[in-house]
Protein backbone atom coordinates (compact mmCIF):
# COMPACT_ATOMS: atom_id res chain seq x y z
CA MET A 1 32.79 -39.88 19.76
CA ASN A 2 33.31 -36.15 20.00
CA ASP A 3 36.25 -34.63 21.86
CA GLY A 4 34.35 -34.39 25.16
CA SER A 5 33.13 -37.97 25.17
CA GLN A 6 36.53 -39.23 24.02
CA ALA A 7 38.12 -37.42 26.96
CA TRP A 8 35.79 -39.24 29.37
CA GLU A 9 36.49 -42.54 27.62
CA ASN A 10 40.20 -41.97 28.16
CA ILE A 11 39.68 -41.09 31.83
CA TYR A 12 37.53 -44.16 32.58
CA ALA A 13 39.85 -46.45 30.60
CA ARG A 14 42.88 -45.14 32.50
CA ASP A 15 41.50 -44.48 36.00
CA GLY A 16 38.37 -46.61 36.33
CA ARG A 17 36.09 -45.57 39.17
CA VAL A 18 36.90 -41.87 39.38
CA PHE A 19 33.69 -40.64 40.99
CA THR A 20 32.36 -42.36 44.10
CA GLU A 21 30.55 -39.61 46.02
CA TYR A 22 26.95 -38.72 45.21
CA LEU A 23 26.12 -35.26 43.95
CA PRO A 24 24.55 -33.00 46.62
CA ALA A 25 21.09 -33.34 45.04
CA PHE A 26 21.11 -37.15 45.31
CA GLN A 27 19.28 -37.35 48.66
CA ALA A 28 16.64 -34.87 47.52
CA ALA A 29 16.09 -36.98 44.39
CA VAL A 30 15.73 -40.13 46.51
CA GLU A 31 13.11 -38.42 48.68
CA ARG A 32 11.20 -37.02 45.73
CA PHE A 33 11.22 -40.26 43.77
CA GLY A 34 10.13 -42.15 46.87
CA SER A 35 7.27 -39.77 47.62
CA GLN A 36 6.04 -40.02 44.01
CA GLY A 37 6.20 -43.81 43.92
CA THR A 38 8.94 -43.85 41.31
CA ARG A 39 10.52 -47.30 40.98
CA ARG A 40 12.51 -47.08 37.71
CA ILE A 41 15.34 -44.67 37.05
CA LEU A 42 17.14 -44.02 33.77
CA ASP A 43 20.49 -42.30 34.27
CA LEU A 44 21.58 -40.69 31.00
CA GLY A 45 25.29 -40.00 31.08
CA CYS A 46 25.78 -42.36 34.01
CA GLY A 47 29.57 -42.36 33.69
CA ASN A 48 31.06 -44.92 36.04
CA GLY A 49 27.70 -45.52 37.76
CA ARG A 50 27.87 -43.85 41.16
CA HIS A 51 24.20 -42.88 41.16
CA LEU A 52 23.12 -46.19 39.60
CA VAL A 53 24.75 -47.96 42.51
CA GLY A 54 23.20 -45.60 45.06
CA PHE A 55 19.68 -45.83 43.69
CA GLY A 56 20.00 -49.57 43.13
CA LYS A 57 21.11 -50.19 46.71
CA LEU A 58 17.98 -48.33 47.83
CA GLY A 59 15.76 -50.69 45.83
CA PHE A 60 15.14 -48.68 42.67
CA ASP A 61 15.28 -50.41 39.28
CA VAL A 62 18.14 -48.69 37.48
CA VAL A 63 19.35 -48.42 33.88
CA GLY A 64 22.35 -46.37 32.83
CA LEU A 65 23.45 -45.09 29.44
CA ASP A 66 26.73 -43.43 28.57
CA LEU A 67 28.83 -42.77 25.47
CA SER A 68 31.91 -44.22 27.16
CA PRO A 69 32.21 -48.01 26.84
CA SER A 70 34.88 -47.97 29.56
CA GLY A 71 32.63 -45.99 31.89
CA LEU A 72 29.83 -48.49 31.32
CA GLY A 73 32.22 -51.33 32.04
CA VAL A 74 33.24 -49.74 35.33
CA ALA A 75 29.56 -49.20 36.20
CA ARG A 76 28.69 -52.81 35.34
CA ASP A 77 31.52 -54.12 37.54
CA TRP A 78 30.57 -51.82 40.43
CA LEU A 79 26.92 -52.85 40.25
CA ALA A 80 27.98 -56.51 40.32
CA GLU A 81 30.23 -55.89 43.36
CA GLU A 82 27.28 -54.33 45.17
CA ALA A 83 24.90 -57.08 44.00
CA VAL A 84 22.68 -54.52 42.26
CA ARG A 85 20.84 -55.68 39.13
């Protein structure tokens, strides 16, 4: 990992779910994806999974990738809590 990704790894390992609010563009993305018939979303750099959870709860098929194993673990746990596959 480089210094930036190691910093995020440390943050997720220490603090867990640090981001819970969607970015401002989230709703616009939902509307656009919906109007285009998009069903699958790949979130590169998903961090702790806030947008994976949001899209998943709305019925999208979601996959997240991140360099932080701890961030992915937090995302996996959050998705399970919300019953999102």
